[in-house]
Amino acid sequence: MSEKPLRRRADGESMDPSLRALIVDDDENYRFLLSTIVSRFGFMTATAGDGTQALEILDIAPPFDLLLIDLEMPRVDGLATITAIRADPRFSEAFAVMITGHDNVETKIEALRLGYDDYISKSSSELEISAKLSAARRVILRQKKLDTAVRELYGLATRDELTGLYNRRFFFTETERMLSAGEPINLVVFDLDEFKRINDTFGHLAGDRILRDIGKLFINHTRHGDIIARYGGDEFVMVVGGTPAEVEALAHRLMNAFSELSWTFGDITFGISVSSGIACSSLIAQPTLAQLLGAADRDLYKNKWVRRNPDVDPSLYEYDSTRDAQVVEFLREVHSAVRRL
């Protein structure tokens, strides 16, 4: 009795153009056969003639979800290929299937030990191969769902619930990492002027609305790689690259954007002023996060004072040194919180 012809996709499984498969075999005809079958399960396919070519493709191409690798190939065989693949963290999530023309149990056990997830015999029928691929696809899609859930949970853990910006714990850990790696960074601290008076006058729900709008403004007026975090109740901090002049220009653009915001509560419409302070790691010999926060804080409060006292000599400004102790205490608290994770 002849086998029924295969449908274009597996039972109950929709096509997913984001799925990618790499087929590695020195037999061109068998590569074509596998590519045809694999594509029916919604995979975009690429092929390689041996292990060396496969590793070259993996190094430059977007990640593959499924790898089908022949055991016996010239130059680099299937066992050496999977060993190299699993040694690279970039490829650790790919579902790998060994293709073999042998039924040697020891070889199959060794293949699984080195990192293959399953194996297919070259003597298998098209129906058997399809059954294996269907199972592999289910595992791959489950892993993708799990990865998505992990990213969402991480996002919840690193985001401020009210504003949608990063929370200060993420700001702290990421900035410390960048400093440890020797990356040049710039901090811009923003403070909403007299925000307590707004809460006292219009209530905390009104204050929350303003903070949410401020969060949206930050997101809409900054670049993808910038880190924007809610530092405190009405304080925000931004970590950006660039020269001191570029950072200052960015801060001014944001200040202008803030000045265009307005809110109406009852019969009263008002805006809000924002002060900022800047600190650049390139201006400090061996910068630490405490030094950068302290420098940005000094600049912030000097700018507040100068705006409130436009007719007074700026050199007369005196910084409240107790703020330095507050910064150090904040960092100590975050350090302790991170160690408890």
C-alpha atoms as a PDB file:
ATOM      1  CA  MET A   1       0.000   0.000   0.000  1.00  0.00           C
ATOM      2  CA  SER A   2       1.455   3.394  -0.964  1.00  0.00           C
ATOM      3  CA  GLU A   3       1.821   6.170   1.562  1.00  0.00           C
ATOM      4  CA  LYS A   4      -0.573   9.083   1.470  1.00  0.00           C
ATOM      5  CA  PRO A   5       0.891  12.261  -0.036  1.00  0.00           C
ATOM      6  CA  LEU A   6       2.043  14.770   2.570  1.00  0.00           C
ATOM      7  CA  ARG A   7       0.133  17.997   3.014  1.00  0.00           C
ATOM      8  CA  ARG A   8       1.902  21.357   2.733  1.00  0.00           C
ATOM      9  CA  ARG A   9       2.005  21.746   6.514  1.00  0.00           C
ATOM     10  CA  ALA A  10       1.756  19.525   9.541  1.00  0.00           C
ATOM     11  CA  ASP A  11      -1.537  18.768  11.298  1.00  0.00           C
ATOM     12  CA  GLY A  12      -2.684  21.657  13.441  1.00  0.00           C
ATOM     13  CA  GLU A  13       0.502  23.682  12.827  1.00  0.00           C
ATOM     14  CA  SER A  14       0.432  27.072  11.114  1.00  0.00           C
ATOM     15  CA  MET A  15       3.221  28.405   8.941  1.00  0.00           C
ATOM     16  CA  ASP A  16       5.741  30.592  10.772  1.00  0.00           C
ATOM     17  CA  PRO A  17       8.171  32.463   8.500  1.00  0.00           C
ATOM     18  CA  SER A  18      10.332  33.345  11.509  1.00  0.00           C
ATOM     19  CA  LEU A  19      11.446  29.710  11.862  1.00  0.00           C
ATOM     20  CA  ARG A  20      14.831  28.984  10.286  1.00  0.00           C
ATOM     21  CA  ALA A  21      16.558  25.674   9.554  1.00  0.00           C
ATOM     22  CA  LEU A  22      20.083  24.805   8.409  1.00  0.00           C
ATOM     23  CA  ILE A  23      20.584  21.497   6.577  1.00  0.00           C
ATOM     24  CA  VAL A  24      24.146  20.162   6.476  1.00  0.00           C
ATOM     25  CA  ASP A  25      24.935  17.177   4.213  1.00  0.00           C
ATOM     26  CA  ASP A  26      27.516  16.455   1.540  1.00  0.00           C
ATOM     27  CA  ASP A  27      24.874  14.732  -0.630  1.00  0.00           C
ATOM     28  CA  GLU A  28      23.242  17.454  -2.721  1.00  0.00           C
ATOM     29  CA  ASN A  29      20.212  15.325  -3.590  1.00  0.00           C
ATOM     30  CA  TYR A  30      19.524  14.465   0.050  1.00  0.00           C
ATOM     31  CA  ARG A  31      19.937  18.131   1.033  1.00  0.00           C
ATOM     32  CA  PHE A  32      17.283  19.025  -1.530  1.00  0.00           C
ATOM     33  CA  LEU A  33      14.928  16.309  -0.236  1.00  0.00           C
ATOM     34  CA  LEU A  34      15.287  17.457   3.376  1.00  0.00           C
ATOM     35  CA  SER A  35      14.934  21.102   2.416  1.00  0.00           C
ATOM     36  CA  THR A  36      11.674  20.301   0.627  1.00  0.00           C
ATOM     37  CA  ILE A  37      10.263  18.421   3.605  1.00  0.00           C
ATOM     38  CA  VAL A  38      11.448  20.939   6.197  1.00  0.00           C
ATOM     39  CA  SER A  39       9.941  23.868   4.309  1.00  0.00           C
ATOM     40  CA  ARG A  40       6.514  22.219   4.584  1.00  0.00           C
ATOM     41  CA  PHE A  41       6.698  22.812   8.328  1.00  0.00           C
ATOM     42  CA  GLY A  42       7.089  26.558   7.920  1.00  0.00           C
ATOM     43  CA  PHE A  43      10.882  26.773   8.098  1.00  0.00           C
ATOM     44  CA  MET A  44      12.983  28.994   5.898  1.00  0.00           C
ATOM     45  CA  THR A  45      15.913  26.780   4.921  1.00  0.00           C
ATOM     46  CA  ALA A  46      19.609  27.230   4.213  1.00  0.00           C
ATOM     47  CA  THR A  47      22.046  24.469   3.270  1.00  0.00           C
ATOM     48  CA  ALA A  48      25.728  23.619   3.684  1.00  0.00           C
ATOM     49  CA  GLY A  49      27.841  20.873   2.114  1.00  0.00           C
ATOM     50  CA  ASP A  50      29.971  20.083   5.186  1.00  0.00           C
ATOM     51  CA  GLY A  51      30.671  21.050   8.775  1.00  0.00           C
ATOM     52  CA  THR A  52      33.176  23.747   7.935  1.00  0.00           C
ATOM     53  CA  GLN A  53      30.731  25.550   5.672  1.00  0.00           C
ATOM     54  CA  ALA A  54      27.973  25.136   8.269  1.00  0.00           C
ATOM     55  CA  LEU A  55      30.073  26.802  10.976  1.00  0.00           C
ATOM     56  CA  GLU A  56      30.882  29.672   8.603  1.00  0.00           C
ATOM     57  CA  ILE A  57      27.171  30.182   7.877  1.00  0.00           C
ATOM     58  CA  LEU A  58      26.252  30.023  11.570  1.00  0.00           C
ATOM     59  CA  ASP A  59      28.856  32.673  12.364  1.00  0.00           C
ATOM     60  CA  ILE A  60      27.386  35.300  10.021  1.00  0.00           C
ATOM     61  CA  ALA A  61      23.717  34.395   9.536  1.00  0.00           C
ATOM     62  CA  PRO A  62      20.767  35.144  11.836  1.00  0.00           C
ATOM     63  CA  PRO A  63      20.142  32.391  14.415  1.00  0.00           C
ATOM     64  CA  PHE A  64      18.729  29.049  13.250  1.00  0.00           C
ATOM     65  CA  ASP A  65      16.035  27.223  15.208  1.00  0.00           C
ATOM     66  CA  LEU A  66      16.646  23.806  13.681  1.00  0.00           C
ATOM     67  CA  LEU A  67      19.896  22.127  12.591  1.00  0.00           C
ATOM     68  CA  LEU A  68      19.944  18.887  10.585  1.00  0.00           C
ATOM     69  CA  ILE A  69      23.534  17.637  10.322  1.00  0.00           C
ATOM     70  CA  ASP A  70      24.901  14.570   8.540  1.00  0.00           C
ATOM     71  CA  LEU A  71      27.166  12.343  10.611  1.00  0.00           C
ATOM     72  CA  GLU A  72      29.665  11.427   7.866  1.00  0.00           C
ATOM     73  CA  MET A  73      31.022  14.430   5.963  1.00  0.00           C
ATOM     74  CA  PRO A  74      34.433  15.418   4.565  1.00  0.00           C
ATOM     75  CA  ARG A  75      36.741  17.787   6.513  1.00  0.00           C
ATOM     76  CA  VAL A  76      34.551  18.159   9.632  1.00  0.00           C
ATOM     77  CA  ASP A  77      32.126  15.363  10.485  1.00  0.00           C
ATOM     78  CA  GLY A  78      28.817  15.647  12.332  1.00  0.00           C
ATOM     79  CA  LEU A  79      30.197  14.920  15.798  1.00  0.00           C
ATOM     80  CA  ALA A  80      32.932  17.544  15.493  1.00  0.00           C
ATOM     81  CA  THR A  81      30.395  19.997  14.070  1.00  0.00           C
ATOM     82  CA  ILE A  82      27.958  19.653  16.981  1.00  0.00           C
ATOM     83  CA  THR A  83      30.833  19.899  19.460  1.00  0.00           C
ATOM     84  CA  ALA A  84      31.866  23.249  17.942  1.00  0.00           C
ATOM     85  CA  ILE A  85      28.263  24.447  17.822  1.00  0.00           C
ATOM     86  CA  ARG A  86      27.491  23.675  21.467  1.00  0.00           C
ATOM     87  CA  ALA A  87      30.729  25.334  22.564  1.00  0.00           C
ATOM     88  CA  ASP A  88      29.375  28.666  21.286  1.00  0.00           C
ATOM     89  CA  PRO A  89      26.667  30.226  23.529  1.00  0.00           C
ATOM     90  CA  ARG A  90      25.078  31.867  20.482  1.00  0.00           C
ATOM     91  CA  PHE A  91      23.904  28.500  19.189  1.00  0.00           C
ATOM     92  CA  SER A  92      22.954  26.836  22.465  1.00  0.00           C
ATOM     93  CA  GLU A  93      19.190  27.026  21.861  1.00  0.00           C
ATOM     94  CA  ALA A  94      19.092  25.460  18.363  1.00  0.00           C
ATOM     95  CA  PHE A  95      17.360  22.077  18.135  1.00  0.00           C
ATOM     96  CA  ALA A  96      19.906  19.754  16.500  1.00  0.00           C
ATOM     97  CA  VAL A  97      19.118  16.509  14.666  1.00  0.00           C
ATOM     98  CA  MET A  98      21.827  14.110  13.498  1.00  0.00           C
ATOM     99  CA  ILE A  99      21.361  12.437  10.119  1.00  0.00           C
ATOM    100  CA  THR A 100      22.994   9.031   9.919  1.00  0.00           C
ATOM    101  CA  GLY A 101      23.135   6.084   7.600  1.00  0.00           C
ATOM    102  CA  HIS A 102      24.094   3.746  10.447  1.00  0.00           C
ATOM    103  CA  ASP A 103      22.129   2.119  13.252  1.00  0.00           C
ATOM    104  CA  ASN A 104      25.106   1.909  15.582  1.00  0.00           C
ATOM    105  CA  VAL A 105      23.761   2.459  19.109  1.00  0.00           C
ATOM    106  CA  GLU A 106      27.079   3.684  20.527  1.00  0.00           C
ATOM    107  CA  THR A 107      27.310   6.389  17.852  1.00  0.00           C
ATOM    108  CA  LYS A 108      23.767   7.579  18.552  1.00  0.00           C
ATOM    109  CA  ILE A 109      24.438   7.739  22.294  1.00  0.00           C
ATOM    110  CA  GLU A 110      27.649   9.692  21.675  1.00  0.00           C
ATOM    111  CA  ALA A 111      25.753  12.067  19.381  1.00  0.00           C
ATOM    112  CA  LEU A 112      23.156  12.775  22.071  1.00  0.00           C
ATOM    113  CA  ARG A 113      25.890  13.238  24.668  1.00  0.00           C
ATOM    114  CA  LEU A 114      27.691  15.815  22.526  1.00  0.00           C
ATOM    115  CA  GLY A 115      24.595  17.923  21.997  1.00  0.00           C
ATOM    116  CA  TYR A 116      22.209  16.457  19.437  1.00  0.00           C
ATOM    117  CA  ASP A 117      18.551  16.422  20.480  1.00  0.00           C
ATOM    118  CA  ASP A 118      17.412  13.673  18.131  1.00  0.00           C
ATOM    119  CA  TYR A 119      18.538  11.655  15.115  1.00  0.00           C
ATOM    120  CA  ILE A 120      17.095  10.606  11.748  1.00  0.00           C
ATOM    121  CA  SER A 121      18.183   7.576   9.772  1.00  0.00           C
ATOM    122  CA  LYS A 122      18.836   8.099   6.072  1.00  0.00           C
ATOM    123  CA  SER A 123      16.790   4.953   5.499  1.00  0.00           C
ATOM    124  CA  SER A 124      13.746   6.595   7.127  1.00  0.00           C
ATOM    125  CA  SER A 125      10.690   7.163   4.964  1.00  0.00           C
ATOM    126  CA  GLU A 126       9.423  10.646   4.200  1.00  0.00           C
ATOM    127  CA  LEU A 127       6.564  10.015   6.610  1.00  0.00           C
ATOM    128  CA  GLU A 128       8.975   9.100   9.448  1.00  0.00           C
ATOM    129  CA  ILE A 129      11.104  12.165   8.780  1.00  0.00           C
ATOM    130  CA  SER A 130       7.990  14.347   8.844  1.00  0.00           C
ATOM    131  CA  ALA A 131       6.926  12.878  12.186  1.00  0.00           C
ATOM    132  CA  LYS A 132      10.357  13.711  13.663  1.00  0.00           C
ATOM    133  CA  LEU A 133      10.207  17.246  12.259  1.00  0.00           C
ATOM    134  CA  SER A 134       6.706  17.776  13.615  1.00  0.00           C
ATOM    135  CA  ALA A 135       7.900  16.828  17.100  1.00  0.00           C
ATOM    136  CA  ALA A 136      10.975  19.052  16.764  1.00  0.00           C
ATOM    137  CA  ARG A 137       8.816  21.972  15.661  1.00  0.00           C
ATOM    138  CA  ARG A 138       6.582  21.593  18.734  1.00  0.00           C
ATOM    139  CA  VAL A 139       9.644  21.684  21.014  1.00  0.00           C
ATOM    140  CA  ILE A 140      11.035  24.733  19.203  1.00  0.00           C
ATOM    141  CA  LEU A 141       7.743  26.656  19.456  1.00  0.00           C
ATOM    142  CA  ARG A 142       7.410  25.791  23.160  1.00  0.00           C
ATOM    143  CA  GLN A 143      10.928  27.120  23.734  1.00  0.00           C
ATOM    144  CA  LYS A 144      10.072  30.323  21.878  1.00  0.00           C
ATOM    145  CA  LYS A 145       7.004  30.819  24.080  1.00  0.00           C
ATOM    146  CA  LEU A 146       9.113  30.215  27.175  1.00  0.00           C
ATOM    147  CA  ASP A 147      11.746  32.699  25.979  1.00  0.00           C
ATOM    148  CA  THR A 148       9.020  35.288  25.372  1.00  0.00           C
ATOM    149  CA  ALA A 149       7.597  34.734  28.849  1.00  0.00           C
ATOM    150  CA  VAL A 150      11.053  35.109  30.407  1.00  0.00           C
ATOM    151  CA  ARG A 151      11.636  38.370  28.514  1.00  0.00           C
ATOM    152  CA  GLU A 152       8.245  39.683  29.649  1.00  0.00           C
ATOM    153  CA  LEU A 153       8.960  38.760  33.258  1.00  0.00           C
ATOM    154  CA  TYR A 154      12.377  40.396  33.011  1.00  0.00           C
ATOM    155  CA  GLY A 155      10.691  43.482  31.602  1.00  0.00           C
ATOM    156  CA  LEU A 156       8.295  43.578  34.562  1.00  0.00           C
ATOM    157  CA  ALA A 157      11.216  43.200  36.964  1.00  0.00           C
ATOM    158  CA  THR A 158      13.235  46.000  35.372  1.00  0.00           C
ATOM    159  CA  ARG A 159      10.480  48.504  34.546  1.00  0.00           C
ATOM    160  CA  ASP A 160       8.820  51.149  36.664  1.00  0.00           C
ATOM    161  CA  GLU A 161       5.138  50.224  36.734  1.00  0.00           C
ATOM    162  CA  LEU A 162       3.810  53.784  36.558  1.00  0.00           C
ATOM    163  CA  THR A 163       5.981  55.374  33.861  1.00  0.00           C
ATOM    164  CA  GLY A 164       7.074  52.355  31.811  1.00  0.00           C
ATOM    165  CA  LEU A 165      10.693  53.476  32.130  1.00  0.00           C
ATOM    166  CA  TYR A 166      13.461  51.340  33.626  1.00  0.00           C
ATOM    167  CA  ASN A 167      13.564  51.211  37.404  1.00  0.00           C
ATOM    168  CA  ARG A 168      16.560  52.427  39.377  1.00  0.00           C
ATOM    169  CA  ARG A 169      17.794  48.883  40.107  1.00  0.00           C
ATOM    170  CA  PHE A 170      18.208  48.250  36.368  1.00  0.00           C
ATOM    171  CA  PHE A 171      19.808  51.665  35.929  1.00  0.00           C
ATOM    172  CA  PHE A 172      22.268  50.886  38.688  1.00  0.00           C
ATOM    173  CA  THR A 173      23.269  47.397  37.505  1.00  0.00           C
ATOM    174  CA  GLU A 174      23.519  48.350  33.814  1.00  0.00           C
ATOM    175  CA  THR A 175      25.514  51.515  34.453  1.00  0.00           C
ATOM    176  CA  GLU A 176      27.896  49.645  36.762  1.00  0.00           C
ATOM    177  CA  ARG A 177      28.365  47.028  34.038  1.00  0.00           C
ATOM    178  CA  MET A 178      29.159  49.701  31.441  1.00  0.00           C
ATOM    179  CA  LEU A 179      31.649  51.394  33.743  1.00  0.00           C
ATOM    180  CA  SER A 180      33.329  48.061  34.526  1.00  0.00           C
ATOM    181  CA  ALA A 181      33.682  47.439  30.799  1.00  0.00           C
ATOM    182  CA  GLY A 182      35.361  50.831  30.360  1.00  0.00           C
ATOM    183  CA  GLU A 183      32.562  52.235  28.219  1.00  0.00           C
ATOM    184  CA  PRO A 184      32.317  56.055  28.179  1.00  0.00           C
ATOM    185  CA  ILE A 185      28.933  57.125  29.527  1.00  0.00           C
ATOM    186  CA  ASN A 186      27.089  60.315  30.357  1.00  0.00           C
ATOM    187  CA  LEU A 187      24.413  60.818  32.990  1.00  0.00           C
ATOM    188  CA  VAL A 188      21.630  63.355  32.752  1.00  0.00           C
ATOM    189  CA  VAL A 189      19.492  63.728  35.876  1.00  0.00           C
ATOM    190  CA  PHE A 190      16.076  65.401  35.566  1.00  0.00           C
ATOM    191  CA  ASP A 191      13.975  66.724  38.433  1.00  0.00           C
ATOM    192  CA  LEU A 192      10.384  68.022  38.192  1.00  0.00           C
ATOM    193  CA  ASP A 193      10.278  71.407  39.928  1.00  0.00           C
ATOM    194  CA  GLU A 194       7.824  71.810  42.812  1.00  0.00           C
ATOM    195  CA  PHE A 195       6.122  68.522  42.022  1.00  0.00           C
ATOM    196  CA  LYS A 196       5.069  68.086  45.665  1.00  0.00           C
ATOM    197  CA  ARG A 197       2.942  71.226  45.370  1.00  0.00           C
ATOM    198  CA  ILE A 198       1.108  69.682  42.404  1.00  0.00           C
ATOM    199  CA  ASN A 199       0.370  66.513  44.384  1.00  0.00           C
ATOM    200  CA  ASP A 200      -0.793  68.557  47.359  1.00  0.00           C
ATOM    201  CA  THR A 201      -3.030  70.773  45.184  1.00  0.00           C
ATOM    202  CA  PHE A 202      -4.535  68.331  42.689  1.00  0.00           C
ATOM    203  CA  GLY A 203      -4.012  64.960  44.369  1.00  0.00           C
ATOM    204  CA  HIS A 204      -1.796  61.975  43.695  1.00  0.00           C
ATOM    205  CA  LEU A 205      -3.906  60.695  40.797  1.00  0.00           C
ATOM    206  CA  ALA A 206      -3.126  63.935  38.961  1.00  0.00           C
ATOM    207  CA  GLY A 207       0.527  63.522  39.870  1.00  0.00           C
ATOM    208  CA  ASP A 208       0.518  59.968  38.520  1.00  0.00           C
ATOM    209  CA  ARG A 209      -0.953  61.181  35.235  1.00  0.00           C
ATOM    210  CA  ILE A 210       1.814  63.751  34.888  1.00  0.00           C
ATOM    211  CA  LEU A 211       4.493  61.150  35.636  1.00  0.00           C
ATOM    212  CA  ARG A 212       3.031  58.795  33.006  1.00  0.00           C
ATOM    213  CA  ASP A 213       3.079  61.595  30.433  1.00  0.00           C
ATOM    214  CA  ILE A 214       6.671  62.426  31.342  1.00  0.00           C
ATOM    215  CA  GLY A 215       7.568  58.756  30.826  1.00  0.00           C
ATOM    216  CA  LYS A 216       5.984  58.778  27.358  1.00  0.00           C
ATOM    217  CA  LEU A 217       7.897  61.929  26.466  1.00  0.00           C
ATOM    218  CA  PHE A 218      11.197  60.326  27.417  1.00  0.00           C
ATOM    219  CA  ILE A 219      10.418  57.232  25.359  1.00  0.00           C
ATOM    220  CA  ASN A 220       9.356  59.276  22.313  1.00  0.00           C
ATOM    221  CA  HIS A 221      12.315  61.684  22.377  1.00  0.00           C
ATOM    222  CA  THR A 222      15.249  59.356  23.028  1.00  0.00           C
ATOM    223  CA  ARG A 223      17.168  56.771  21.029  1.00  0.00           C
ATOM    224  CA  HIS A 224      16.806  53.017  21.251  1.00  0.00           C
ATOM    225  CA  GLY A 225      20.151  52.500  23.011  1.00  0.00           C
ATOM    226  CA  ASP A 226      19.596  55.183  25.661  1.00  0.00           C
ATOM    227  CA  ILE A 227      18.756  54.045  29.198  1.00  0.00           C
ATOM    228  CA  ILE A 228      15.965  56.092  30.782  1.00  0.00           C
ATOM    229  CA  ALA A 229      15.040  55.252  34.360  1.00  0.00           C
ATOM    230  CA  ARG A 230      12.848  56.615  37.107  1.00  0.00           C
ATOM    231  CA  TYR A 231      15.424  57.443  39.753  1.00  0.00           C
ATOM    232  CA  GLY A 232      13.042  58.526  42.510  1.00  0.00           C
ATOM    233  CA  GLY A 233       9.544  59.939  42.979  1.00  0.00           C
ATOM    234  CA  ASP A 234       9.867  62.846  40.544  1.00  0.00           C
ATOM    235  CA  GLU A 235      13.491  62.350  39.476  1.00  0.00           C
ATOM    236  CA  PHE A 236      14.645  60.632  36.312  1.00  0.00           C
ATOM    237  CA  VAL A 237      18.076  59.660  35.038  1.00  0.00           C
ATOM    238  CA  MET A 238      19.279  59.049  31.493  1.00  0.00           C
ATOM    239  CA  VAL A 239      22.435  57.180  30.431  1.00  0.00           C
ATOM    240  CA  VAL A 240      23.604  58.143  26.940  1.00  0.00           C
ATOM    241  CA  GLY A 241      26.678  58.074  24.751  1.00  0.00           C
ATOM    242  CA  GLY A 242      28.237  60.990  22.884  1.00  0.00           C
ATOM    243  CA  THR A 243      30.430  63.962  23.652  1.00  0.00           C
ATOM    244  CA  PRO A 244      29.645  66.386  26.500  1.00  0.00           C
ATOM    245  CA  ALA A 245      28.440  68.938  23.929  1.00  0.00           C
ATOM    246  CA  GLU A 246      26.104  66.396  22.321  1.00  0.00           C
ATOM    247  CA  VAL A 247      24.708  65.363  25.689  1.00  0.00           C
ATOM    248  CA  GLU A 248      24.090  68.981  26.646  1.00  0.00           C
ATOM    249  CA  ALA A 249      22.262  69.559  23.349  1.00  0.00           C
ATOM    250  CA  LEU A 250      20.111  66.466  23.982  1.00  0.00           C
ATOM    251  CA  ALA A 251      19.241  67.688  27.478  1.00  0.00           C
ATOM    252  CA  HIS A 252      18.193  71.073  26.079  1.00  0.00           C
ATOM    253  CA  ARG A 253      15.983  69.413  23.440  1.00  0.00           C
ATOM    254  CA  LEU A 254      14.256  67.413  26.152  1.00  0.00           C
ATOM    255  CA  MET A 255      13.814  70.508  28.302  1.00  0.00           C
ATOM    256  CA  ASN A 256      12.131  72.258  25.370  1.00  0.00           C
ATOM    257  CA  ALA A 257       9.848  69.259  24.899  1.00  0.00           C
ATOM    258  CA  PHE A 258       8.910  69.395  28.581  1.00  0.00           C
ATOM    259  CA  SER A 259       8.005  73.076  28.273  1.00  0.00           C
ATOM    260  CA  GLU A 260       5.401  72.225  25.624  1.00  0.00           C
ATOM    261  CA  LEU A 261       3.466  69.874  27.910  1.00  0.00           C
ATOM    262  CA  SER A 262       0.369  71.083  29.736  1.00  0.00           C
ATOM    263  CA  TRP A 263      -2.386  69.542  31.850  1.00  0.00           C
ATOM    264  CA  THR A 264      -5.894  70.628  32.779  1.00  0.00           C
ATOM    265  CA  PHE A 265      -7.488  69.720  36.097  1.00  0.00           C
ATOM    266  CA  GLY A 266     -10.868  71.308  36.691  1.00  0.00           C
ATOM    267  CA  ASP A 267     -10.676  74.849  35.332  1.00  0.00           C
ATOM    268  CA  ILE A 268      -6.904  75.150  35.772  1.00  0.00           C
ATOM    269  CA  THR A 269      -4.402  74.508  32.965  1.00  0.00           C
ATOM    270  CA  PHE A 270      -0.702  74.520  33.773  1.00  0.00           C
ATOM    271  CA  GLY A 271       2.680  73.269  32.670  1.00  0.00           C
ATOM    272  CA  ILE A 272       5.647  72.105  34.677  1.00  0.00           C
ATOM    273  CA  SER A 273       9.286  73.129  34.700  1.00  0.00           C
ATOM    274  CA  VAL A 274      12.123  70.624  34.785  1.00  0.00           C
ATOM    275  CA  SER A 275      15.724  71.021  35.948  1.00  0.00           C
ATOM    276  CA  SER A 276      18.605  68.891  34.713  1.00  0.00           C
ATOM    277  CA  GLY A 277      22.188  68.109  35.614  1.00  0.00           C
ATOM    278  CA  ILE A 278      24.892  66.427  33.539  1.00  0.00           C
ATOM    279  CA  ALA A 279      27.932  64.313  34.374  1.00  0.00           C
ATOM    280  CA  CYS A 280      30.355  62.777  31.839  1.00  0.00           C
ATOM    281  CA  SER A 281      32.690  59.889  32.592  1.00  0.00           C
ATOM    282  CA  SER A 282      35.198  61.283  30.095  1.00  0.00           C
ATOM    283  CA  LEU A 283      35.813  64.200  32.472  1.00  0.00           C
ATOM    284  CA  ILE A 284      36.677  61.950  35.459  1.00  0.00           C
ATOM    285  CA  ALA A 285      39.964  60.044  35.705  1.00  0.00           C
ATOM    286  CA  GLN A 286      38.528  56.785  37.109  1.00  0.00           C
ATOM    287  CA  PRO A 287      34.781  57.335  37.193  1.00  0.00           C
ATOM    288  CA  THR A 288      32.464  55.496  39.554  1.00  0.00           C
ATOM    289  CA  LEU A 289      28.690  55.599  39.592  1.00  0.00           C
ATOM    290  CA  ALA A 290      28.730  57.464  42.900  1.00  0.00           C
ATOM    291  CA  GLN A 291      31.005  60.147  41.413  1.00  0.00           C
ATOM    292  CA  LEU A 292      28.827  60.521  38.319  1.00  0.00           C
ATOM    293  CA  LEU A 293      25.609  60.757  40.327  1.00  0.00           C
ATOM    294  CA  GLY A 294      27.215  63.250  42.694  1.00  0.00           C
ATOM    295  CA  ALA A 295      28.470  65.425  39.834  1.00  0.00           C
ATOM    296  CA  ALA A 296      25.116  65.329  38.041  1.00  0.00           C
ATOM    297  CA  ASP A 297      23.310  66.145  41.292  1.00  0.00           C
ATOM    298  CA  ARG A 298      25.543  69.172  41.911  1.00  0.00           C
ATOM    299  CA  ASP A 299      24.934  70.419  38.387  1.00  0.00           C
ATOM    300  CA  LEU A 300      21.184  69.873  38.759  1.00  0.00           C
ATOM    301  CA  TYR A 301      20.855  71.849  41.964  1.00  0.00           C
ATOM    302  CA  LYS A 302      23.102  74.622  40.757  1.00  0.00           C
ATOM    303  CA  ASN A 303      20.896  75.002  37.665  1.00  0.00           C
ATOM    304  CA  LYS A 304      17.801  75.112  39.905  1.00  0.00           C
ATOM    305  CA  TRP A 305      19.374  77.808  42.076  1.00  0.00           C
ATOM    306  CA  VAL A 306      20.524  79.899  39.123  1.00  0.00           C
ATOM    307  CA  ARG A 307      17.065  79.851  37.558  1.00  0.00           C
ATOM    308  CA  ARG A 308      15.429  80.868  40.816  1.00  0.00           C
ATOM    309  CA  ASN A 309      18.041  83.591  41.423  1.00  0.00           C
ATOM    310  CA  PRO A 310      18.733  85.072  37.989  1.00  0.00           C
ATOM    311  CA  ASP A 311      20.124  88.321  39.379  1.00  0.00           C
ATOM    312  CA  VAL A 312      22.609  86.718  41.804  1.00  0.00           C
ATOM    313  CA  ASP A 313      26.239  85.872  41.022  1.00  0.00           C
ATOM    314  CA  PRO A 314      26.274  82.064  40.270  1.00  0.00           C
ATOM    315  CA  SER A 315      29.585  81.725  42.121  1.00  0.00           C
ATOM    316  CA  LEU A 316      27.699  82.358  45.371  1.00  0.00           C
ATOM    317  CA  TYR A 317      25.825  79.051  45.050  1.00  0.00           C
ATOM    318  CA  GLU A 318      26.628  76.533  47.790  1.00  0.00           C
ATOM    319  CA  TYR A 319      25.830  72.854  47.304  1.00  0.00           C
ATOM    320  CA  ASP A 320      24.165  70.995  50.174  1.00  0.00           C
ATOM    321  CA  SER A 321      26.801  68.347  50.923  1.00  0.00           C
ATOM    322  CA  THR A 322      24.229  66.138  52.651  1.00  0.00           C
ATOM    323  CA  ARG A 323      23.064  65.185  49.143  1.00  0.00           C
ATOM    324  CA  ASP A 324      26.351  63.306  48.646  1.00  0.00           C
ATOM    325  CA  ALA A 325      25.592  61.145  51.667  1.00  0.00           C
ATOM    326  CA  GLN A 326      22.119  60.456  50.270  1.00  0.00           C
ATOM    327  CA  VAL A 327      23.597  59.284  46.982  1.00  0.00           C
ATOM    328  CA  VAL A 328      26.028  56.948  48.758  1.00  0.00           C
ATOM    329  CA  GLU A 329      23.218  55.553  50.924  1.00  0.00           C
ATOM    330  CA  PHE A 330      21.072  54.963  47.843  1.00  0.00           C
ATOM    331  CA  LEU A 331      23.863  53.025  46.156  1.00  0.00           C
ATOM    332  CA  ARG A 332      24.420  50.961  49.304  1.00  0.00           C
ATOM    333  CA  GLU A 333      20.715  50.041  49.392  1.00  0.00           C
ATOM    334  CA  VAL A 334      20.720  48.977  45.750  1.00  0.00           C
ATOM    335  CA  HIS A 335      23.892  46.930  46.243  1.00  0.00           C
ATOM    336  CA  SER A 336      22.198  45.095  49.097  1.00  0.00           C
ATOM    337  CA  ALA A 337      19.041  44.508  47.040  1.00  0.00           C
ATOM    338  CA  VAL A 338      21.028  43.106  44.117  1.00  0.00           C
ATOM    339  CA  ARG A 339      22.952  40.709  46.390  1.00  0.00           C
ATOM    340  CA  ARG A 340      19.644  39.369  47.759  1.00  0.00           C
ATOM    341  CA  LEU A 341      18.426  38.427  44.245  1.00  0.00           C
END
